[in-house]
Amino acid sequence: METITIGELAREQESRNGTALVSFGKPLRRYQKSERDEKAGRERAYRRRRALNLRAMNPLYLSDELIDDALLDERTPESGFTMEGDVILALTAPHPCVCIDEAHVGLFVPSSCAIIRMDDALRERFDPWYLAGCLALPPVREQLRLKGSAGRLSQLTVESICAASVPLAPIERQREAGRAVRTHARAMTELASIKQVHEQLVCAAVARAAC
């Protein structure tokens, strides 16, 4: 099958409107009341937002119970929060990735992750859910592993992500595969939530019996 690099998709989008396809998340700046604010009797504005972390990222789905609840500094840019259809890729091995559905819009993306954000025109020829599925394929994950920076903790760069190639299928087949990825993600997220509830019920039952 014909392949295409993420870099080719990135150049296509950038040439059309100047927006980058691949960017990195932002450093997490939690709200801290400064001594100056305290003396002046004022507090800087902050927002309570959910924040992604690597523990919450699994291949193609998120564990909701592991997403952080953080008070974020008012200076946190809006571009650092997830939008529907974003593909979030962990920069360190084993490079789990997820595609953002409507239930996970507005999550803060940390600097340990890359954001692949397609514009509407690119989505007409490349499905983001299909891309997430491609990035989870063993051959593509091996590409990412080999292209990571040298060192004890291999980490992806924009260049190494753009160098990765993925299968280029017709858009109708991409969307069919993307729907399967989305169904899998929803099912796995629900299963993870059910597992957590059952673990809590078991712990509560044992604690009651031990009283």
N, C-alpha and C. Protein backbone atom coordinates (compact mmCIF):
# COMPACT_ATOMS: atom_id res chain seq x y z
N MET A 1 0.84 -1.20 0.00
CA MET A 1 0.00 0.00 0.00
C MET A 1 0.87 1.26 0.00
N GLU A 2 0.39 2.28 -0.67
CA GLU A 2 1.10 3.56 -0.69
C GLU A 2 1.16 4.15 0.72
N THR A 3 2.26 4.82 1.01
CA THR A 3 2.41 5.45 2.32
C THR A 3 2.64 6.95 2.15
N ILE A 4 2.48 7.67 3.25
CA ILE A 4 2.73 9.11 3.27
C ILE A 4 3.36 9.45 4.61
N THR A 5 4.29 10.38 4.61
CA THR A 5 4.89 10.78 5.89
C THR A 5 4.04 11.86 6.55
N ILE A 6 4.13 11.91 7.85
CA ILE A 6 3.43 12.97 8.58
C ILE A 6 3.98 14.33 8.15
N GLY A 7 5.26 14.36 7.79
CA GLY A 7 5.85 15.60 7.31
C GLY A 7 5.20 16.11 6.04
N GLU A 8 4.82 15.20 5.14
CA GLU A 8 4.13 15.62 3.92
C GLU A 8 2.78 16.24 4.25
N LEU A 9 2.06 15.64 5.19
CA LEU A 9 0.80 16.22 5.64
C LEU A 9 1.03 17.59 6.28
N ALA A 10 2.11 17.70 7.06
CA ALA A 10 2.41 18.96 7.74
C ALA A 10 2.71 20.06 6.74
N ARG A 11 3.49 19.75 5.69
CA ARG A 11 3.83 20.76 4.67
C ARG A 11 2.59 21.19 3.91
N GLU A 12 1.70 20.24 3.64
CA GLU A 12 0.45 20.58 2.94
C GLU A 12 -0.37 21.57 3.76
N GLN A 13 -0.52 21.29 5.05
CA GLN A 13 -1.32 22.19 5.91
C GLN A 13 -0.65 23.55 6.06
N GLU A 14 0.66 23.54 6.27
CA GLU A 14 1.37 24.82 6.49
C GLU A 14 1.34 25.69 5.25
N SER A 15 1.44 25.07 4.07
CA SER A 15 1.42 25.86 2.84
C SER A 15 0.04 26.48 2.59
N ARG A 16 -0.99 25.84 3.16
CA ARG A 16 -2.35 26.34 2.93
C ARG A 16 -2.69 27.51 3.85
N ASN A 17 -2.35 27.40 5.13
CA ASN A 17 -2.78 28.47 6.06
C ASN A 17 -1.73 28.86 7.09
N GLY A 18 -0.54 28.27 6.99
CA GLY A 18 0.53 28.66 7.90
C GLY A 18 0.49 28.04 9.28
N THR A 19 -0.49 27.17 9.54
CA THR A 19 -0.58 26.55 10.87
C THR A 19 0.20 25.25 10.91
N ALA A 20 0.89 25.03 12.02
CA ALA A 20 1.70 23.81 12.17
C ALA A 20 0.81 22.62 12.45
N LEU A 21 1.14 21.48 11.85
CA LEU A 21 0.40 20.25 12.12
C LEU A 21 0.84 19.65 13.45
N VAL A 22 2.14 19.68 13.71
CA VAL A 22 2.69 19.05 14.91
C VAL A 22 3.26 20.13 15.83
N SER A 23 2.85 20.10 17.09
CA SER A 23 3.40 21.00 18.10
C SER A 23 3.53 20.23 19.41
N PHE A 24 4.19 20.82 20.38
CA PHE A 24 4.36 20.17 21.67
C PHE A 24 3.41 20.79 22.69
N GLY A 25 3.06 20.00 23.72
CA GLY A 25 2.30 20.54 24.83
C GLY A 25 3.12 21.57 25.59
N LYS A 26 2.51 22.16 26.59
CA LYS A 26 3.13 23.24 27.35
C LYS A 26 3.55 22.76 28.74
N PRO A 27 4.56 23.40 29.33
CA PRO A 27 4.89 23.09 30.73
C PRO A 27 3.68 23.36 31.63
N LEU A 28 3.45 22.49 32.57
CA LEU A 28 2.31 22.64 33.48
C LEU A 28 2.64 23.67 34.55
N ARG A 29 1.98 24.82 34.49
CA ARG A 29 2.18 25.86 35.50
C ARG A 29 0.95 25.89 36.39
N ARG A 30 1.07 25.26 37.55
CA ARG A 30 -0.04 25.25 38.50
C ARG A 30 -0.14 26.61 39.18
N TYR A 31 -1.34 26.95 39.62
CA TYR A 31 -1.55 28.23 40.30
C TYR A 31 -0.80 28.25 41.63
N GLN A 32 -0.07 29.33 41.82
CA GLN A 32 0.60 29.56 43.10
C GLN A 32 0.39 31.01 43.50
N LYS A 33 -0.08 31.22 44.71
CA LYS A 33 -0.29 32.58 45.18
C LYS A 33 1.06 33.18 45.56
N SER A 34 1.40 34.30 44.94
CA SER A 34 2.69 34.91 45.20
C SER A 34 2.65 35.77 46.46
N GLU A 35 3.82 36.03 47.00
CA GLU A 35 3.91 36.88 48.18
C GLU A 35 3.41 38.28 47.87
N ARG A 36 3.70 38.75 46.66
CA ARG A 36 3.22 40.08 46.26
C ARG A 36 1.70 40.14 46.23
N ASP A 37 1.08 39.08 45.68
CA ASP A 37 -0.38 39.03 45.65
C ASP A 37 -0.95 39.00 47.06
N GLU A 38 -0.30 38.22 47.93
CA GLU A 38 -0.80 38.08 49.30
C GLU A 38 -0.73 39.42 50.04
N LYS A 39 0.38 40.15 49.86
CA LYS A 39 0.51 41.45 50.53
C LYS A 39 -0.50 42.44 49.99
N ALA A 40 -0.80 42.35 48.71
CA ALA A 40 -1.75 43.29 48.11
C ALA A 40 -3.19 42.86 48.33
N GLY A 41 -3.39 41.70 48.94
CA GLY A 41 -4.74 41.23 49.22
C GLY A 41 -5.49 40.81 47.98
N ARG A 42 -4.76 40.36 46.97
CA ARG A 42 -5.44 39.94 45.74
C ARG A 42 -4.88 38.58 45.32
N GLU A 43 -5.66 37.90 44.51
CA GLU A 43 -5.24 36.62 43.98
C GLU A 43 -5.29 36.67 42.46
N ARG A 44 -4.28 36.10 41.84
CA ARG A 44 -4.29 36.02 40.39
C ARG A 44 -5.37 35.03 39.97
N ALA A 45 -6.00 35.29 38.84
CA ALA A 45 -7.07 34.40 38.38
C ALA A 45 -6.48 33.03 38.04
N TYR A 46 -7.26 32.01 38.23
CA TYR A 46 -6.83 30.67 37.87
C TYR A 46 -8.04 29.89 37.39
N ARG A 47 -7.76 28.80 36.72
CA ARG A 47 -8.83 27.95 36.17
C ARG A 47 -8.63 26.53 36.66
N ARG A 48 -9.71 25.93 37.09
CA ARG A 48 -9.65 24.51 37.44
C ARG A 48 -9.92 23.73 36.16
N ARG A 49 -8.91 23.02 35.69
CA ARG A 49 -9.02 22.26 34.45
C ARG A 49 -8.43 20.87 34.63
N ARG A 50 -8.92 19.95 33.85
CA ARG A 50 -8.32 18.62 33.85
C ARG A 50 -7.06 18.62 32.99
N ALA A 51 -6.07 17.85 33.42
CA ALA A 51 -4.77 17.84 32.73
C ALA A 51 -4.35 16.41 32.42
N LEU A 52 -3.93 16.21 31.18
CA LEU A 52 -3.42 14.90 30.79
C LEU A 52 -2.09 14.59 31.47
N ASN A 53 -1.80 13.33 31.60
CA ASN A 53 -0.48 12.89 32.03
C ASN A 53 -0.23 11.53 31.38
N LEU A 54 1.01 11.09 31.38
CA LEU A 54 1.35 9.85 30.69
C LEU A 54 0.68 8.63 31.32
N ARG A 55 0.40 8.69 32.63
CA ARG A 55 -0.25 7.55 33.28
C ARG A 55 -1.65 7.31 32.73
N ALA A 56 -2.31 8.38 32.30
CA ALA A 56 -3.68 8.27 31.80
C ALA A 56 -3.75 7.82 30.35
N MET A 57 -2.60 7.81 29.66
CA MET A 57 -2.58 7.48 28.24
C MET A 57 -2.29 6.00 28.01
N ASN A 58 -3.20 5.36 27.30
CA ASN A 58 -3.05 3.97 26.89
C ASN A 58 -3.10 3.93 25.36
N PRO A 59 -2.74 2.80 24.75
CA PRO A 59 -2.87 2.73 23.30
C PRO A 59 -4.32 2.97 22.85
N LEU A 60 -4.57 4.15 22.31
CA LEU A 60 -5.84 4.55 21.68
C LEU A 60 -6.94 4.94 22.64
N TYR A 61 -6.71 4.93 23.96
CA TYR A 61 -7.77 5.38 24.87
C TYR A 61 -7.18 5.99 26.13
N LEU A 62 -8.01 6.76 26.82
CA LEU A 62 -7.61 7.43 28.06
C LEU A 62 -8.28 6.77 29.26
N SER A 63 -7.55 6.69 30.35
CA SER A 63 -8.13 6.25 31.63
C SER A 63 -8.59 7.50 32.36
N ASP A 64 -9.89 7.73 32.38
CA ASP A 64 -10.43 8.97 32.94
C ASP A 64 -10.04 9.16 34.40
N GLU A 65 -9.97 8.06 35.15
CA GLU A 65 -9.71 8.18 36.58
C GLU A 65 -8.28 8.63 36.87
N LEU A 66 -7.39 8.57 35.87
CA LEU A 66 -5.99 8.98 36.07
C LEU A 66 -5.70 10.38 35.53
N ILE A 67 -6.69 11.03 34.95
CA ILE A 67 -6.50 12.40 34.47
C ILE A 67 -6.47 13.33 35.68
N ASP A 68 -5.48 14.22 35.71
CA ASP A 68 -5.32 15.12 36.85
C ASP A 68 -6.38 16.20 36.87
N ASP A 69 -6.66 16.70 38.07
CA ASP A 69 -7.51 17.88 38.27
C ASP A 69 -6.59 18.97 38.81
N ALA A 70 -6.35 20.00 38.01
CA ALA A 70 -5.33 20.98 38.37
C ALA A 70 -5.87 22.40 38.34
N LEU A 71 -5.30 23.25 39.21
CA LEU A 71 -5.55 24.68 39.15
C LEU A 71 -4.45 25.28 38.29
N LEU A 72 -4.80 25.80 37.13
CA LEU A 72 -3.81 26.26 36.18
C LEU A 72 -3.71 27.78 36.19
N ASP A 73 -2.49 28.24 36.08
CA ASP A 73 -2.20 29.67 36.03
C ASP A 73 -2.95 30.31 34.87
N GLU A 74 -3.39 31.56 35.07
CA GLU A 74 -4.16 32.26 34.04
C GLU A 74 -3.38 32.45 32.74
N ARG A 75 -2.05 32.37 32.81
CA ARG A 75 -1.23 32.57 31.62
C ARG A 75 -1.14 31.34 30.74
N THR A 76 -1.77 30.24 31.13
CA THR A 76 -1.76 29.03 30.32
C THR A 76 -2.49 29.29 29.01
N PRO A 77 -1.82 29.16 27.85
CA PRO A 77 -2.46 29.50 26.56
C PRO A 77 -3.54 28.50 26.17
N GLU A 78 -4.58 29.00 25.50
CA GLU A 78 -5.69 28.14 25.08
C GLU A 78 -5.24 27.08 24.07
N SER A 79 -4.19 27.38 23.31
CA SER A 79 -3.71 26.40 22.33
C SER A 79 -3.16 25.15 22.99
N GLY A 80 -2.92 25.23 24.31
CA GLY A 80 -2.39 24.08 25.03
C GLY A 80 -3.44 23.13 25.55
N PHE A 81 -4.72 23.34 25.19
CA PHE A 81 -5.80 22.46 25.62
C PHE A 81 -6.33 21.68 24.41
N THR A 82 -6.81 20.46 24.66
CA THR A 82 -7.23 19.60 23.57
C THR A 82 -8.47 20.12 22.87
N MET A 83 -8.51 19.84 21.56
CA MET A 83 -9.68 20.10 20.72
C MET A 83 -10.12 18.78 20.11
N GLU A 84 -11.39 18.68 19.74
CA GLU A 84 -11.89 17.44 19.17
C GLU A 84 -11.12 17.10 17.89
N GLY A 85 -10.69 15.85 17.79
CA GLY A 85 -9.94 15.41 16.63
C GLY A 85 -8.44 15.54 16.77
N ASP A 86 -7.95 16.16 17.85
CA ASP A 86 -6.50 16.20 18.09
C ASP A 86 -5.98 14.78 18.28
N VAL A 87 -4.81 14.50 17.74
CA VAL A 87 -4.11 13.24 18.03
C VAL A 87 -2.98 13.59 18.99
N ILE A 88 -3.01 12.99 20.17
CA ILE A 88 -2.01 13.26 21.20
C ILE A 88 -1.06 12.07 21.26
N LEU A 89 0.23 12.36 21.11
CA LEU A 89 1.25 11.31 21.04
C LEU A 89 2.28 11.54 22.15
N ALA A 90 2.52 10.51 22.97
CA ALA A 90 3.55 10.62 24.02
C ALA A 90 4.92 10.65 23.37
N LEU A 91 5.79 11.52 23.88
CA LEU A 91 7.11 11.70 23.29
C LEU A 91 8.09 10.60 23.69
N THR A 92 7.79 9.89 24.77
CA THR A 92 8.68 8.84 25.24
C THR A 92 8.07 7.46 24.98
N ALA A 93 8.94 6.46 24.80
CA ALA A 93 8.49 5.10 24.55
C ALA A 93 7.66 4.60 25.73
N PRO A 94 6.61 3.78 25.44
CA PRO A 94 6.26 3.15 24.17
C PRO A 94 5.38 4.01 23.26
N HIS A 95 5.33 5.32 23.45
CA HIS A 95 4.63 6.26 22.58
C HIS A 95 3.13 5.97 22.41
N PRO A 96 2.38 5.82 23.52
CA PRO A 96 0.93 5.67 23.36
C PRO A 96 0.35 6.92 22.71
N CYS A 97 -0.72 6.74 21.97
CA CYS A 97 -1.38 7.89 21.35
C CYS A 97 -2.89 7.73 21.47
N VAL A 98 -3.58 8.85 21.47
CA VAL A 98 -5.04 8.86 21.55
C VAL A 98 -5.57 9.93 20.62
N CYS A 99 -6.80 9.76 20.16
CA CYS A 99 -7.50 10.81 19.43
C CYS A 99 -8.56 11.35 20.37
N ILE A 100 -8.73 12.66 20.38
CA ILE A 100 -9.62 13.31 21.34
C ILE A 100 -11.05 13.34 20.84
N ASP A 101 -11.97 12.77 21.62
CA ASP A 101 -13.39 12.84 21.30
C ASP A 101 -14.02 14.00 22.07
N GLU A 102 -15.34 14.15 21.90
CA GLU A 102 -16.02 15.30 22.51
C GLU A 102 -15.97 15.25 24.03
N ALA A 103 -15.84 14.07 24.62
CA ALA A 103 -15.81 13.94 26.08
C ALA A 103 -14.48 14.39 26.67
N HIS A 104 -13.45 14.52 25.84
CA HIS A 104 -12.12 14.86 26.36
C HIS A 104 -11.58 16.17 25.78
N VAL A 105 -12.48 17.01 25.30
CA VAL A 105 -12.09 18.35 24.85
C VAL A 105 -11.76 19.21 26.08
N GLY A 106 -10.73 20.04 25.96
CA GLY A 106 -10.39 20.96 27.04
C GLY A 106 -9.41 20.44 28.05
N LEU A 107 -8.75 19.31 27.76
CA LEU A 107 -7.71 18.80 28.66
C LEU A 107 -6.40 19.54 28.39
N PHE A 108 -5.69 19.90 29.45
CA PHE A 108 -4.38 20.50 29.28
C PHE A 108 -3.41 19.44 28.78
N VAL A 109 -2.60 19.80 27.77
CA VAL A 109 -1.63 18.86 27.21
C VAL A 109 -0.24 19.23 27.72
N PRO A 110 0.42 18.34 28.46
CA PRO A 110 1.74 18.66 29.03
C PRO A 110 2.85 18.57 27.98
N SER A 111 4.02 19.04 28.36
CA SER A 111 5.16 19.08 27.44
C SER A 111 5.72 17.69 27.14
N SER A 112 5.21 16.67 27.79
CA SER A 112 5.64 15.29 27.51
C SER A 112 4.89 14.69 26.33
N CYS A 113 4.04 15.49 25.69
CA CYS A 113 3.22 15.00 24.58
C CYS A 113 3.30 15.94 23.38
N ALA A 114 3.07 15.37 22.20
CA ALA A 114 2.93 16.16 20.98
C ALA A 114 1.45 16.24 20.62
N ILE A 115 1.07 17.34 20.01
CA ILE A 115 -0.30 17.54 19.52
C ILE A 115 -0.25 17.54 18.00
N ILE A 116 -0.99 16.64 17.37
CA ILE A 116 -1.14 16.64 15.91
C ILE A 116 -2.55 17.17 15.63
N ARG A 117 -2.62 18.39 15.13
CA ARG A 117 -3.92 19.08 14.98
C ARG A 117 -4.15 19.43 13.51
N MET A 118 -5.07 18.71 12.89
CA MET A 118 -5.37 18.93 11.48
C MET A 118 -6.39 20.04 11.30
N ASP A 119 -6.26 20.81 10.21
CA ASP A 119 -7.30 21.77 9.88
C ASP A 119 -8.42 21.04 9.14
N ASP A 120 -9.52 21.74 8.87
CA ASP A 120 -10.69 21.10 8.25
C ASP A 120 -10.37 20.55 6.87
N ALA A 121 -9.54 21.28 6.11
CA ALA A 121 -9.23 20.84 4.75
C ALA A 121 -8.45 19.53 4.77
N LEU A 122 -7.49 19.40 5.68
CA LEU A 122 -6.71 18.17 5.76
C LEU A 122 -7.58 17.00 6.20
N ARG A 123 -8.55 17.27 7.08
CA ARG A 123 -9.44 16.19 7.54
C ARG A 123 -10.31 15.65 6.42
N GLU A 124 -10.46 16.42 5.33
CA GLU A 124 -11.23 15.95 4.19
C GLU A 124 -10.50 14.83 3.46
N ARG A 125 -9.18 14.72 3.65
CA ARG A 125 -8.43 13.66 2.97
C ARG A 125 -7.67 12.75 3.91
N PHE A 126 -7.65 13.10 5.22
CA PHE A 126 -6.97 12.24 6.17
C PHE A 126 -7.71 12.28 7.50
N ASP A 127 -8.21 11.12 7.93
CA ASP A 127 -9.04 11.03 9.13
C ASP A 127 -8.17 10.97 10.39
N PRO A 128 -8.40 11.84 11.38
CA PRO A 128 -7.54 11.83 12.58
C PRO A 128 -7.64 10.54 13.39
N TRP A 129 -8.81 9.92 13.44
CA TRP A 129 -8.93 8.66 14.17
C TRP A 129 -8.16 7.54 13.48
N TYR A 130 -8.16 7.58 12.16
CA TYR A 130 -7.35 6.62 11.40
C TYR A 130 -5.87 6.86 11.67
N LEU A 131 -5.45 8.12 11.71
CA LEU A 131 -4.05 8.42 12.00
C LEU A 131 -3.65 7.88 13.37
N ALA A 132 -4.51 8.06 14.37
CA ALA A 132 -4.21 7.53 15.70
C ALA A 132 -4.04 6.01 15.64
N GLY A 133 -4.93 5.35 14.88
CA GLY A 133 -4.82 3.90 14.73
C GLY A 133 -3.51 3.50 14.06
N CYS A 134 -3.10 4.28 13.05
CA CYS A 134 -1.83 3.99 12.37
C CYS A 134 -0.66 4.13 13.32
N LEU A 135 -0.67 5.17 14.15
CA LEU A 135 0.43 5.40 15.08
C LEU A 135 0.52 4.32 16.15
N ALA A 136 -0.56 3.55 16.32
CA ALA A 136 -0.55 2.44 17.29
C ALA A 136 -0.10 1.13 16.66
N LEU A 137 0.07 1.10 15.33
CA LEU A 137 0.51 -0.13 14.67
C LEU A 137 1.96 -0.43 15.05
N PRO A 138 2.30 -1.71 15.31
CA PRO A 138 3.67 -2.06 15.70
C PRO A 138 4.75 -1.53 14.74
N PRO A 139 4.58 -1.64 13.40
CA PRO A 139 5.65 -1.13 12.52
C PRO A 139 5.87 0.38 12.67
N VAL A 140 4.78 1.14 12.85
CA VAL A 140 4.91 2.59 12.98
C VAL A 140 5.52 2.94 14.34
N ARG A 141 5.11 2.21 15.38
CA ARG A 141 5.70 2.44 16.71
C ARG A 141 7.20 2.14 16.69
N GLU A 142 7.60 1.12 15.92
CA GLU A 142 9.02 0.81 15.80
C GLU A 142 9.75 1.93 15.07
N GLN A 143 9.11 2.49 14.05
CA GLN A 143 9.69 3.66 13.38
C GLN A 143 9.95 4.77 14.38
N LEU A 144 8.95 5.07 15.20
CA LEU A 144 9.08 6.15 16.18
C LEU A 144 10.19 5.84 17.18
N ARG A 145 10.26 4.57 17.60
CA ARG A 145 11.29 4.19 18.57
C ARG A 145 12.68 4.43 18.00
N LEU A 146 12.87 4.04 16.73
CA LEU A 146 14.18 4.17 16.10
C LEU A 146 14.54 5.62 15.80
N LYS A 147 13.50 6.45 15.62
CA LYS A 147 13.76 7.85 15.27
C LYS A 147 13.87 8.75 16.49
N GLY A 148 13.65 8.19 17.69
CA GLY A 148 13.75 8.99 18.90
C GLY A 148 15.18 9.47 19.11
N SER A 149 15.30 10.54 19.87
CA SER A 149 16.62 11.12 20.12
C SER A 149 17.47 10.14 20.91
N ALA A 150 18.78 10.22 20.73
CA ALA A 150 19.70 9.34 21.44
C ALA A 150 19.76 9.74 22.91
N GLY A 151 20.09 8.76 23.74
CA GLY A 151 20.20 9.05 25.16
C GLY A 151 19.46 8.01 25.98
N ARG A 152 19.61 8.14 27.29
CA ARG A 152 19.00 7.15 28.19
C ARG A 152 17.49 7.16 28.05
N LEU A 153 16.90 8.36 27.93
CA LEU A 153 15.46 8.47 27.72
C LEU A 153 15.20 8.98 26.32
N SER A 154 15.00 8.06 25.38
CA SER A 154 14.76 8.44 23.99
C SER A 154 13.47 9.25 23.90
N GLN A 155 13.52 10.39 23.23
CA GLN A 155 12.36 11.27 23.14
C GLN A 155 12.17 11.74 21.71
N LEU A 156 10.92 11.78 21.28
CA LEU A 156 10.61 12.21 19.92
C LEU A 156 10.77 13.72 19.78
N THR A 157 11.12 14.14 18.58
CA THR A 157 11.15 15.55 18.21
C THR A 157 10.12 15.77 17.11
N VAL A 158 9.86 17.03 16.76
CA VAL A 158 8.96 17.32 15.65
C VAL A 158 9.49 16.65 14.38
N GLU A 159 10.81 16.72 14.18
CA GLU A 159 11.41 16.14 12.97
C GLU A 159 11.22 14.63 12.92
N SER A 160 11.40 13.95 14.06
CA SER A 160 11.26 12.49 14.06
C SER A 160 9.81 12.07 13.86
N ILE A 161 8.88 12.84 14.40
CA ILE A 161 7.46 12.54 14.17
C ILE A 161 7.11 12.73 12.70
N CYS A 162 7.59 13.84 12.13
CA CYS A 162 7.29 14.13 10.72
C CYS A 162 7.91 13.12 9.77
N ALA A 163 9.00 12.46 10.21
CA ALA A 163 9.66 11.46 9.36
C ALA A 163 8.91 10.14 9.32
N ALA A 164 8.00 9.92 10.25
CA ALA A 164 7.27 8.65 10.30
C ALA A 164 6.29 8.55 9.13
N SER A 165 6.21 7.38 8.54
CA SER A 165 5.29 7.16 7.42
C SER A 165 4.14 6.26 7.86
N VAL A 166 2.96 6.53 7.30
CA VAL A 166 1.75 5.77 7.63
C VAL A 166 1.06 5.36 6.34
N PRO A 167 0.26 4.29 6.35
CA PRO A 167 -0.43 3.86 5.14
C PRO A 167 -1.42 4.92 4.65
N LEU A 168 -1.42 5.17 3.35
CA LEU A 168 -2.34 6.15 2.76
C LEU A 168 -3.48 5.40 2.07
N ALA A 169 -4.59 5.26 2.77
CA ALA A 169 -5.77 4.58 2.24
C ALA A 169 -6.77 5.61 1.70
N PRO A 170 -7.69 5.19 0.83
CA PRO A 170 -8.75 6.12 0.40
C PRO A 170 -9.53 6.62 1.61
N ILE A 171 -10.04 7.85 1.53
CA ILE A 171 -10.66 8.48 2.69
C ILE A 171 -11.85 7.68 3.21
N GLU A 172 -12.60 7.01 2.33
CA GLU A 172 -13.74 6.23 2.80
C GLU A 172 -13.27 5.07 3.68
N ARG A 173 -12.17 4.43 3.29
CA ARG A 173 -11.63 3.33 4.10
C ARG A 173 -10.99 3.86 5.37
N GLN A 174 -10.38 5.04 5.29
CA GLN A 174 -9.84 5.66 6.50
C GLN A 174 -10.95 5.89 7.53
N ARG A 175 -12.05 6.45 7.06
CA ARG A 175 -13.14 6.77 7.99
C ARG A 175 -13.77 5.52 8.57
N GLU A 176 -13.85 4.47 7.78
CA GLU A 176 -14.37 3.19 8.30
C GLU A 176 -13.45 2.67 9.40
N ALA A 177 -12.14 2.69 9.14
CA ALA A 177 -11.18 2.24 10.15
C ALA A 177 -11.20 3.18 11.35
N GLY A 178 -11.34 4.49 11.10
CA GLY A 178 -11.40 5.48 12.18
C GLY A 178 -12.58 5.24 13.10
N ARG A 179 -13.72 4.85 12.53
CA ARG A 179 -14.89 4.55 13.37
C ARG A 179 -14.62 3.35 14.27
N ALA A 180 -13.89 2.36 13.74
CA ALA A 180 -13.54 1.19 14.56
C ALA A 180 -12.61 1.59 15.70
N VAL A 181 -11.64 2.49 15.41
CA VAL A 181 -10.73 2.97 16.46
C VAL A 181 -11.52 3.72 17.52
N ARG A 182 -12.47 4.55 17.09
CA ARG A 182 -13.26 5.34 18.03
C ARG A 182 -14.13 4.45 18.91
N THR A 183 -14.74 3.42 18.32
CA THR A 183 -15.55 2.48 19.09
C THR A 183 -14.70 1.74 20.11
N HIS A 184 -13.51 1.33 19.70
CA HIS A 184 -12.59 0.66 20.62
C HIS A 184 -12.21 1.58 21.77
N ALA A 185 -11.89 2.83 21.46
CA ALA A 185 -11.49 3.78 22.51
C ALA A 185 -12.61 3.99 23.52
N ARG A 186 -13.83 4.16 23.03
CA ARG A 186 -14.96 4.37 23.93
C ARG A 186 -15.18 3.15 24.81
N ALA A 187 -15.11 1.95 24.21
CA ALA A 187 -15.33 0.72 24.98
C ALA A 187 -14.25 0.53 26.04
N MET A 188 -12.99 0.79 25.69
CA MET A 188 -11.90 0.60 26.65
C MET A 188 -11.98 1.61 27.79
N THR A 189 -12.38 2.84 27.48
CA THR A 189 -12.54 3.85 28.53
C THR A 189 -13.65 3.44 29.50
N GLU A 190 -14.75 2.94 28.95
CA GLU A 190 -15.85 2.49 29.80
C GLU A 190 -15.44 1.28 30.65
N LEU A 191 -14.70 0.36 30.05
CA LEU A 191 -14.24 -0.81 30.81
C LEU A 191 -13.31 -0.41 31.95
N ALA A 192 -12.44 0.57 31.68
CA ALA A 192 -11.53 1.04 32.73
C ALA A 192 -12.31 1.65 33.89
N SER A 193 -13.39 2.39 33.58
CA SER A 193 -14.21 2.99 34.63
C SER A 193 -14.94 1.92 35.42
N ILE A 194 -15.48 0.91 34.72
CA ILE A 194 -16.17 -0.19 35.40
C ILE A 194 -15.20 -0.94 36.31
N LYS A 195 -13.97 -1.17 35.82
CA LYS A 195 -12.96 -1.86 36.62
C LYS A 195 -12.68 -1.09 37.91
N GLN A 196 -12.57 0.23 37.81
CA GLN A 196 -12.30 1.05 38.99
C GLN A 196 -13.44 0.94 40.00
N VAL A 197 -14.69 1.00 39.50
CA VAL A 197 -15.85 0.91 40.39
C VAL A 197 -15.86 -0.43 41.11
N HIS A 198 -15.61 -1.51 40.39
CA HIS A 198 -15.62 -2.84 41.00
C HIS A 198 -14.49 -2.99 42.03
N GLU A 199 -13.33 -2.42 41.75
CA GLU A 199 -12.24 -2.47 42.72
C GLU A 199 -12.62 -1.74 44.00
N GLN A 200 -13.29 -0.60 43.86
CA GLN A 200 -13.73 0.15 45.03
C GLN A 200 -14.76 -0.63 45.82
N LEU A 201 -15.69 -1.31 45.11
CA LEU A 201 -16.70 -2.11 45.79
C LEU A 201 -16.06 -3.27 46.55
N VAL A 202 -15.08 -3.94 45.95
CA VAL A 202 -14.39 -5.04 46.61
C VAL A 202 -13.67 -4.56 47.88
N CYS A 203 -12.95 -3.43 47.75
CA CYS A 203 -12.22 -2.88 48.90
C CYS A 203 -13.18 -2.51 50.02
N ALA A 204 -14.33 -1.92 49.66
CA ALA A 204 -15.30 -1.53 50.68
C ALA A 204 -15.89 -2.75 51.37
N ALA A 205 -16.18 -3.81 50.59
CA ALA A 205 -16.74 -5.02 51.16
C ALA A 205 -15.76 -5.69 52.12
N VAL A 206 -14.49 -5.74 51.73
CA VAL A 206 -13.46 -6.34 52.60
C VAL A 206 -13.28 -5.52 53.86
N ALA A 207 -13.29 -4.19 53.72
CA ALA A 207 -13.12 -3.33 54.89
C ALA A 207 -14.28 -3.52 55.88
N ARG A 208 -15.50 -3.63 55.35
CA ARG A 208 -16.67 -3.85 56.23
C ARG A 208 -16.55 -5.18 56.94
N ALA A 209 -16.11 -6.21 56.22
CA ALA A 209 -16.01 -7.55 56.81
C ALA A 209 -14.96 -7.59 57.90
N ALA A 210 -13.92 -6.75 57.76
CA ALA A 210 -12.83 -6.76 58.72
C ALA A 210 -13.14 -5.97 60.00
N CYS A 211 -14.23 -5.21 59.95
CA CYS A 211 -14.58 -4.40 61.15
C CYS A 211 -15.11 -5.27 62.29
